[in-house]
C-alpha atoms as a PDB file:
ATOM      1  CA  UNK A   1      -0.004  -0.011  -0.007  1.00  0.00           C
ATOM      2  CA  UNK A   2       0.984   3.640  -0.122  1.00  0.00           C
ATOM      3  CA  UNK A   3       3.104   5.033   2.656  1.00  0.00           C
ATOM      4  CA  UNK A   4       1.017   6.345   5.522  1.00  0.00           C
ATOM      5  CA  UNK A   5       1.603   9.924   4.550  1.00  0.00           C
ATOM      6  CA  UNK A   6       3.806  12.246   6.542  1.00  0.00           C
ATOM      7  CA  UNK A   7       3.920  10.306   9.802  1.00  0.00           C
ATOM      8  CA  UNK A   8       5.653   7.235   8.395  1.00  0.00           C
ATOM      9  CA  UNK A   9       8.066   9.544   6.623  1.00  0.00           C
ATOM     10  CA  UNK A  10       8.901  11.066   9.982  1.00  0.00           C
ATOM     11  CA  UNK A  11       9.401   7.612  11.486  1.00  0.00           C
ATOM     12  CA  UNK A  12      11.802   6.686   8.680  1.00  0.00           C
ATOM     13  CA  UNK A  13      13.632   9.968   8.975  1.00  0.00           C
ATOM     14  CA  UNK A  14      14.198   9.422  12.675  1.00  0.00           C
ATOM     15  CA  UNK A  15      16.934   6.913  11.891  1.00  0.00           C
ATOM     16  CA  UNK A  16      17.953   8.093   8.391  1.00  0.00           C
ATOM     17  CA  UNK A  17      21.611   8.186   7.478  1.00  0.00           C
ATOM     18  CA  UNK A  18      24.525   6.492   9.127  1.00  0.00           C
ATOM     19  CA  UNK A  19      24.531   2.759   9.843  1.00  0.00           C
ATOM     20  CA  UNK A  20      21.605   0.487   8.939  1.00  0.00           C
ATOM     21  CA  UNK A  21      18.540   1.144  11.121  1.00  0.00           C
ATOM     22  CA  UNK A  22      18.155  -1.055  14.193  1.00  0.00           C
ATOM     23  CA  UNK A  23      15.697  -3.900  14.292  1.00  0.00           C
ATOM     24  CA  UNK A  24      13.135  -2.006  16.392  1.00  0.00           C
ATOM     25  CA  UNK A  25      12.920   0.690  13.696  1.00  0.00           C
ATOM     26  CA  UNK A  26      12.164  -1.695  10.873  1.00  0.00           C
ATOM     27  CA  UNK A  27       9.740  -3.743  12.989  1.00  0.00           C
ATOM     28  CA  UNK A  28       7.862  -0.646  14.131  1.00  0.00           C
ATOM     29  CA  UNK A  29       7.593   0.760  10.615  1.00  0.00           C
ATOM     30  CA  UNK A  30       6.358  -2.533   9.178  1.00  0.00           C
ATOM     31  CA  UNK A  31       3.773  -3.057  11.975  1.00  0.00           C
ATOM     32  CA  UNK A  32       2.447   0.489  11.715  1.00  0.00           C
ATOM     33  CA  UNK A  33       2.143   0.285   7.964  1.00  0.00           C
ATOM     34  CA  UNK A  34       0.198  -2.982   8.329  1.00  0.00           C
ATOM     35  CA  UNK A  35      -1.973  -1.328  10.988  1.00  0.00           C
ATOM     36  CA  UNK A  36      -2.964   1.503   8.660  1.00  0.00           C
ATOM     37  CA  UNK A  37      -3.617  -0.884   5.783  1.00  0.00           C
ATOM     38  CA  UNK A  38      -5.826  -3.118   7.970  1.00  0.00           C
ATOM     39  CA  UNK A  39      -7.752  -0.138   9.352  1.00  0.00           C
ATOM     40  CA  UNK A  40      -8.483   1.262   5.943  1.00  0.00           C
ATOM     41  CA  UNK A  41      -9.566  -2.137   4.762  1.00  0.00           C
ATOM     42  CA  UNK A  42     -11.954  -2.364   7.727  1.00  0.00           C
ATOM     43  CA  UNK A  43     -10.111  -5.086   9.680  1.00  0.00           C
ATOM     44  CA  UNK A  44     -10.238  -3.745  13.249  1.00  0.00           C
ATOM     45  CA  UNK A  45      -8.703  -6.807  14.924  1.00  0.00           C
ATOM     46  CA  UNK A  46      -5.550  -6.804  12.772  1.00  0.00           C
ATOM     47  CA  UNK A  47      -5.319  -2.986  12.883  1.00  0.00           C
ATOM     48  CA  UNK A  48      -5.324  -2.913  16.688  1.00  0.00           C
ATOM     49  CA  UNK A  49      -2.881  -5.830  17.023  1.00  0.00           C
ATOM     50  CA  UNK A  50      -0.377  -4.345  14.579  1.00  0.00           C
ATOM     51  CA  UNK A  51      -0.604  -0.878  15.991  1.00  0.00           C
ATOM     52  CA  UNK A  52       0.060  -2.122  19.517  1.00  0.00           C
ATOM     53  CA  UNK A  53       2.998  -4.086  18.169  1.00  0.00           C
ATOM     54  CA  UNK A  54       4.452  -1.081  16.427  1.00  0.00           C
ATOM     55  CA  UNK A  55       3.810   1.221  19.346  1.00  0.00           C
ATOM     56  CA  UNK A  56       5.508  -1.219  21.726  1.00  0.00           C
ATOM     57  CA  UNK A  57       8.596  -1.314  19.501  1.00  0.00           C
ATOM     58  CA  UNK A  58       8.773   2.461  19.653  1.00  0.00           C
ATOM     59  CA  UNK A  59       8.128   2.603  23.368  1.00  0.00           C
ATOM     60  CA  UNK A  60      11.154   0.396  23.975  1.00  0.00           C
ATOM     61  CA  UNK A  61      13.318   3.329  22.913  1.00  0.00           C
ATOM     62  CA  UNK A  62      11.901   5.750  25.462  1.00  0.00           C
ATOM     63  CA  UNK A  63      11.300   8.173  22.582  1.00  0.00           C
ATOM     64  CA  UNK A  64       8.006   9.857  23.410  1.00  0.00           C
ATOM     65  CA  UNK A  65       8.216  11.852  20.193  1.00  0.00           C
ATOM     66  CA  UNK A  66       8.147   8.697  18.094  1.00  0.00           C
ATOM     67  CA  UNK A  67       5.230   7.242  19.988  1.00  0.00           C
ATOM     68  CA  UNK A  68       3.377  10.547  19.524  1.00  0.00           C
ATOM     69  CA  UNK A  69       3.960  10.293  15.804  1.00  0.00           C
ATOM     70  CA  UNK A  70       2.538   6.788  15.738  1.00  0.00           C
ATOM     71  CA  UNK A  71      -0.581   8.004  17.559  1.00  0.00           C
ATOM     72  CA  UNK A  72      -0.923  10.795  14.959  1.00  0.00           C
ATOM     73  CA  UNK A  73      -0.614   8.240  12.165  1.00  0.00           C
ATOM     74  CA  UNK A  74      -3.495   6.276  13.633  1.00  0.00           C
ATOM     75  CA  UNK A  75      -5.618   9.431  14.025  1.00  0.00           C
ATOM     76  CA  UNK A  76      -4.844  10.487  10.445  1.00  0.00           C
ATOM     77  CA  UNK A  77      -6.323   7.203   9.149  1.00  0.00           C
ATOM     78  CA  UNK A  78      -9.383   7.813  11.262  1.00  0.00           C
ATOM     79  CA  UNK A  79      -9.889  11.324   9.894  1.00  0.00           C
ATOM     80  CA  UNK A  80      -9.507   9.920   6.368  1.00  0.00           C
ATOM     81  CA  UNK A  81     -12.320   7.543   7.296  1.00  0.00           C
ATOM     82  CA  UNK A  82     -14.461  10.312   8.834  1.00  0.00           C
ATOM     83  CA  UNK A  83     -14.054   9.079  12.390  1.00  0.00           C
ATOM     84  CA  UNK A  84     -13.842  12.665  13.632  1.00  0.00           C
ATOM     85  CA  UNK A  85     -13.122  12.334  17.326  1.00  0.00           C
ATOM     86  CA  UNK A  86     -10.367  13.639  19.661  1.00  0.00           C
ATOM     87  CA  UNK A  87      -6.924  12.097  19.093  1.00  0.00           C
ATOM     88  CA  UNK A  88      -6.691  10.974  22.694  1.00  0.00           C
ATOM     89  CA  UNK A  89      -3.574   8.880  22.208  1.00  0.00           C
ATOM     90  CA  UNK A  90      -1.632  11.874  20.968  1.00  0.00           C
ATOM     91  CA  UNK A  91      -3.114  14.320  23.461  1.00  0.00           C
ATOM     92  CA  UNK A  92      -1.783  12.213  26.309  1.00  0.00           C
ATOM     93  CA  UNK A  93       1.691  12.783  24.879  1.00  0.00           C
ATOM     94  CA  UNK A  94       1.321  16.339  23.585  1.00  0.00           C
ATOM     95  CA  UNK A  95       3.425  17.970  26.270  1.00  0.00           C
ATOM     96  CA  UNK A  96       6.477  15.990  25.088  1.00  0.00           C
ATOM     97  CA  UNK A  97       5.719  16.237  21.383  1.00  0.00           C
ATOM     98  CA  UNK A  98       7.523  18.614  19.062  1.00  0.00           C
ATOM     99  CA  UNK A  99       6.019  21.660  17.335  1.00  0.00           C
ATOM    100  CA  UNK A 100       5.673  19.767  14.005  1.00  0.00           C
ATOM    101  CA  UNK A 101       3.586  17.061  15.695  1.00  0.00           C
ATOM    102  CA  UNK A 102       1.492  19.533  17.623  1.00  0.00           C
ATOM    103  CA  UNK A 103       0.749  21.473  14.437  1.00  0.00           C
ATOM    104  CA  UNK A 104      -0.262  18.289  12.624  1.00  0.00           C
ATOM    105  CA  UNK A 105      -2.500  17.235  15.486  1.00  0.00           C
ATOM    106  CA  UNK A 106      -4.255  20.598  15.392  1.00  0.00           C
ATOM    107  CA  UNK A 107      -4.633  20.317  11.640  1.00  0.00           C
ATOM    108  CA  UNK A 108      -6.316  16.910  12.045  1.00  0.00           C
ATOM    109  CA  UNK A 109      -8.644  18.414  14.630  1.00  0.00           C
ATOM    110  CA  UNK A 110      -9.601  21.254  12.294  1.00  0.00           C
ATOM    111  CA  UNK A 111      -8.204  23.937  14.562  1.00  0.00           C
ATOM    112  CA  UNK A 112      -7.044  27.338  13.237  1.00  0.00           C
ATOM    113  CA  UNK A 113      -3.267  27.493  12.857  1.00  0.00           C
ATOM    114  CA  UNK A 114      -0.883  30.404  13.066  1.00  0.00           C
ATOM    115  CA  UNK A 115       1.427  31.203  10.112  1.00  0.00           C
ATOM    116  CA  UNK A 116       4.282  29.543  12.014  1.00  0.00           C
ATOM    117  CA  UNK A 117       2.200  26.387  12.577  1.00  0.00           C
ATOM    118  CA  UNK A 118       1.110  26.274   8.947  1.00  0.00           C
ATOM    119  CA  UNK A 119       4.735  26.301   7.871  1.00  0.00           C
ATOM    120  CA  UNK A 120       5.333  23.153   9.956  1.00  0.00           C
ATOM    121  CA  UNK A 121       2.751  21.106   8.069  1.00  0.00           C
ATOM    122  CA  UNK A 122       3.647  18.953   5.035  1.00  0.00           C
ATOM    123  CA  UNK A 123       3.544  21.248   2.002  1.00  0.00           C
ATOM    124  CA  UNK A 124       0.466  19.576   0.366  1.00  0.00           C
ATOM    125  CA  UNK A 125      -1.662  20.177   3.501  1.00  0.00           C
ATOM    126  CA  UNK A 126      -0.915  23.858   4.028  1.00  0.00           C
ATOM    127  CA  UNK A 127      -3.496  25.246   1.611  1.00  0.00           C
ATOM    128  CA  UNK A 128      -6.302  23.205   3.204  1.00  0.00           C
ATOM    129  CA  UNK A 129      -5.231  24.232   6.706  1.00  0.00           C
ATOM    130  CA  UNK A 130      -5.096  27.892   5.564  1.00  0.00           C
ATOM    131  CA  UNK A 131      -8.703  27.802   4.420  1.00  0.00           C
ATOM    132  CA  UNK A 132      -8.468  26.344   0.942  1.00  0.00           C
ATOM    133  CA  UNK A 133     -11.221  24.184  -0.387  1.00  0.00           C
ATOM    134  CA  UNK A 134      -9.433  21.940  -2.914  1.00  0.00           C
ATOM    135  CA  UNK A 135      -7.751  18.583  -2.268  1.00  0.00           C
ATOM    136  CA  UNK A 136      -3.976  18.691  -2.573  1.00  0.00           C
ATOM    137  CA  UNK A 137      -1.967  16.876  -5.191  1.00  0.00           C
ATOM    138  CA  UNK A 138      -0.596  14.253  -2.790  1.00  0.00           C
ATOM    139  CA  UNK A 139      -0.578  10.502  -2.144  1.00  0.00           C
ATOM    140  CA  UNK A 140      -3.979   8.927  -1.601  1.00  0.00           C
ATOM    141  CA  UNK A 141      -4.061   8.811   2.196  1.00  0.00           C
ATOM    142  CA  UNK A 142      -2.977  12.459   2.532  1.00  0.00           C
ATOM    143  CA  UNK A 143      -5.761  13.408   0.086  1.00  0.00           C
ATOM    144  CA  UNK A 144      -8.349  11.567   2.144  1.00  0.00           C
ATOM    145  CA  UNK A 145      -7.083  13.188   5.348  1.00  0.00           C
ATOM    146  CA  UNK A 146      -7.429  16.600   3.713  1.00  0.00           C
ATOM    147  CA  UNK A 147     -10.930  15.672   2.609  1.00  0.00           C
ATOM    148  CA  UNK A 148     -11.801  14.715   6.151  1.00  0.00           C
ATOM    149  CA  UNK A 149     -10.437  18.043   7.480  1.00  0.00           C
ATOM    150  CA  UNK A 150     -12.494  19.888   4.885  1.00  0.00           C
ATOM    151  CA  UNK A 151     -15.664  18.019   5.788  1.00  0.00           C
ATOM    152  CA  UNK A 152     -15.373  18.759   9.511  1.00  0.00           C
ATOM    153  CA  UNK A 153     -14.749  22.420   8.626  1.00  0.00           C
ATOM    154  CA  UNK A 154     -17.855  22.491   6.417  1.00  0.00           C
ATOM    155  CA  UNK A 155     -15.795  23.143   3.261  1.00  0.00           C
ATOM    156  CA  UNK A 156     -16.141  19.814   1.485  1.00  0.00           C
ATOM    157  CA  UNK A 157     -17.719  20.615  -1.894  1.00  0.00           C
ATOM    158  CA  UNK A 158     -19.474  18.023  -4.025  1.00  0.00           C
ATOM    159  CA  UNK A 159     -16.270  17.812  -6.067  1.00  0.00           C
ATOM    160  CA  UNK A 160     -14.180  17.101  -2.963  1.00  0.00           C
ATOM    161  CA  UNK A 161     -16.654  14.450  -1.774  1.00  0.00           C
ATOM    162  CA  UNK A 162     -16.552  12.828  -5.191  1.00  0.00           C
ATOM    163  CA  UNK A 163     -12.771  12.843  -5.245  1.00  0.00           C
ATOM    164  CA  UNK A 164     -12.684  11.273  -1.794  1.00  0.00           C
ATOM    165  CA  UNK A 165     -15.007   8.476  -2.979  1.00  0.00           C
ATOM    166  CA  UNK A 166     -12.902   7.906  -6.077  1.00  0.00           C
ATOM    167  CA  UNK A 167      -9.649   7.911  -4.115  1.00  0.00           C
ATOM    168  CA  UNK A 168     -10.916   5.343  -1.568  1.00  0.00           C
ATOM    169  CA  UNK A 169     -12.418   3.254  -4.364  1.00  0.00           C
ATOM    170  CA  UNK A 170      -9.259   3.194  -6.437  1.00  0.00           C
ATOM    171  CA  UNK A 171      -7.173   2.049  -3.445  1.00  0.00           C
ATOM    172  CA  UNK A 172      -9.726  -0.565  -2.389  1.00  0.00           C
ATOM    173  CA  UNK A 173     -10.034   1.061   1.039  1.00  0.00           C
ATOM    174  CA  UNK A 174     -13.384  -0.255   2.289  1.00  0.00           C
ATOM    175  CA  UNK A 175     -13.706   1.803   5.498  1.00  0.00           C
ATOM    176  CA  UNK A 176     -13.238   5.324   4.064  1.00  0.00           C
ATOM    177  CA  UNK A 177     -15.173   4.384   0.918  1.00  0.00           C
ATOM    178  CA  UNK A 178     -18.236   3.441   2.963  1.00  0.00           C
ATOM    179  CA  UNK A 179     -17.836   6.567   5.090  1.00  0.00           C
ATOM    180  CA  UNK A 180     -17.752   8.892   2.087  1.00  0.00           C
ATOM    181  CA  UNK A 181     -20.519   7.033   0.279  1.00  0.00           C
ATOM    182  CA  UNK A 182     -22.536   7.460   3.483  1.00  0.00           C
ATOM    183  CA  UNK A 183     -22.001  11.193   3.323  1.00  0.00           C
ATOM    184  CA  UNK A 184     -23.242  11.284  -0.274  1.00  0.00           C
ATOM    185  CA  UNK A 185     -26.226   9.157   0.709  1.00  0.00           C
ATOM    186  CA  UNK A 186     -27.278  11.479   3.522  1.00  0.00           C
ATOM    187  CA  UNK A 187     -27.061  14.499   1.247  1.00  0.00           C
ATOM    188  CA  UNK A 188     -29.073  12.736  -1.485  1.00  0.00           C
ATOM    189  CA  UNK A 189     -31.735  11.855   1.036  1.00  0.00           C
ATOM    190  CA  UNK A 190     -31.794  15.410   2.381  1.00  0.00           C
ATOM    191  CA  UNK A 191     -32.091  16.730  -1.152  1.00  0.00           C
ATOM    192  CA  UNK A 192     -34.965  14.450  -2.013  1.00  0.00           C
ATOM    193  CA  UNK A 193     -33.045  12.620  -4.764  1.00  0.00           C
ATOM    194  CA  UNK A 194     -34.515   9.183  -4.304  1.00  0.00           C
ATOM    195  CA  UNK A 195     -32.872   7.677  -7.393  1.00  0.00           C
ATOM    196  CA  UNK A 196     -29.409   8.792  -6.385  1.00  0.00           C
ATOM    197  CA  UNK A 197     -29.978   7.654  -2.809  1.00  0.00           C
ATOM    198  CA  UNK A 198     -30.988   4.197  -4.041  1.00  0.00           C
ATOM    199  CA  UNK A 199     -27.972   3.993  -6.326  1.00  0.00           C
ATOM    200  CA  UNK A 200     -25.663   4.809  -3.406  1.00  0.00           C
ATOM    201  CA  UNK A 201     -27.346   2.182  -1.248  1.00  0.00           C
ATOM    202  CA  UNK A 202     -26.749  -0.410  -3.916  1.00  0.00           C
ATOM    203  CA  UNK A 203     -23.105   0.565  -4.168  1.00  0.00           C
ATOM    204  CA  UNK A 204     -22.646   0.468  -0.385  1.00  0.00           C
ATOM    205  CA  UNK A 205     -24.296  -2.978  -0.268  1.00  0.00           C
ATOM    206  CA  UNK A 206     -21.768  -4.186  -2.840  1.00  0.00           C
ATOM    207  CA  UNK A 207     -18.842  -2.911  -0.790  1.00  0.00           C
ATOM    208  CA  UNK A 208     -20.291  -4.568   2.298  1.00  0.00           C
ATOM    209  CA  UNK A 209     -20.639  -7.908   0.502  1.00  0.00           C
ATOM    210  CA  UNK A 210     -24.451  -7.823   0.531  1.00  0.00           C
ATOM    211  CA  UNK A 211     -24.875  -8.084  -3.267  1.00  0.00           C
END
């Protein structure tokens, strides 16, 4: 699958250069990547098991900053899937997190950022965080995260919602696909478009294995 956006990049960079990375680094990265993949595919049991495995590898180092990044990675996957709830795992570690991680956490939560905080975000996310309404040209998970941020800010246009559905569909990510189709379904129902609502129900049933 695609790399889990900026957070996995940070985890890799933590040991970049010099001698080969230690075993804990490779084990943590692999487990966290599997956790994100399983979550997006809708496999909660595997996602939780692999996340705890990866988090434990990071915790062995005593590096709170790395564990905080792992928690952000998990929350980013949730935002991409429209599970818009507090990132409690990160918040418990916020006091020891760096300014980049705090800025990213605030971005995921849809909070207003200062110019200095905006500059700490990955470049593709800055326009959305600054009030933009278009999805960035970025890898699929980062695009879905941006779409989730736009939705919770009330700035997700029909085009953004359609792009989110297409992105999740192309990747075969069942959880965010169902979430975004659900958004489209609610809007169709609210708008009285019975034919579109029924089409979306049929598509959701297919994704859920009911057709």
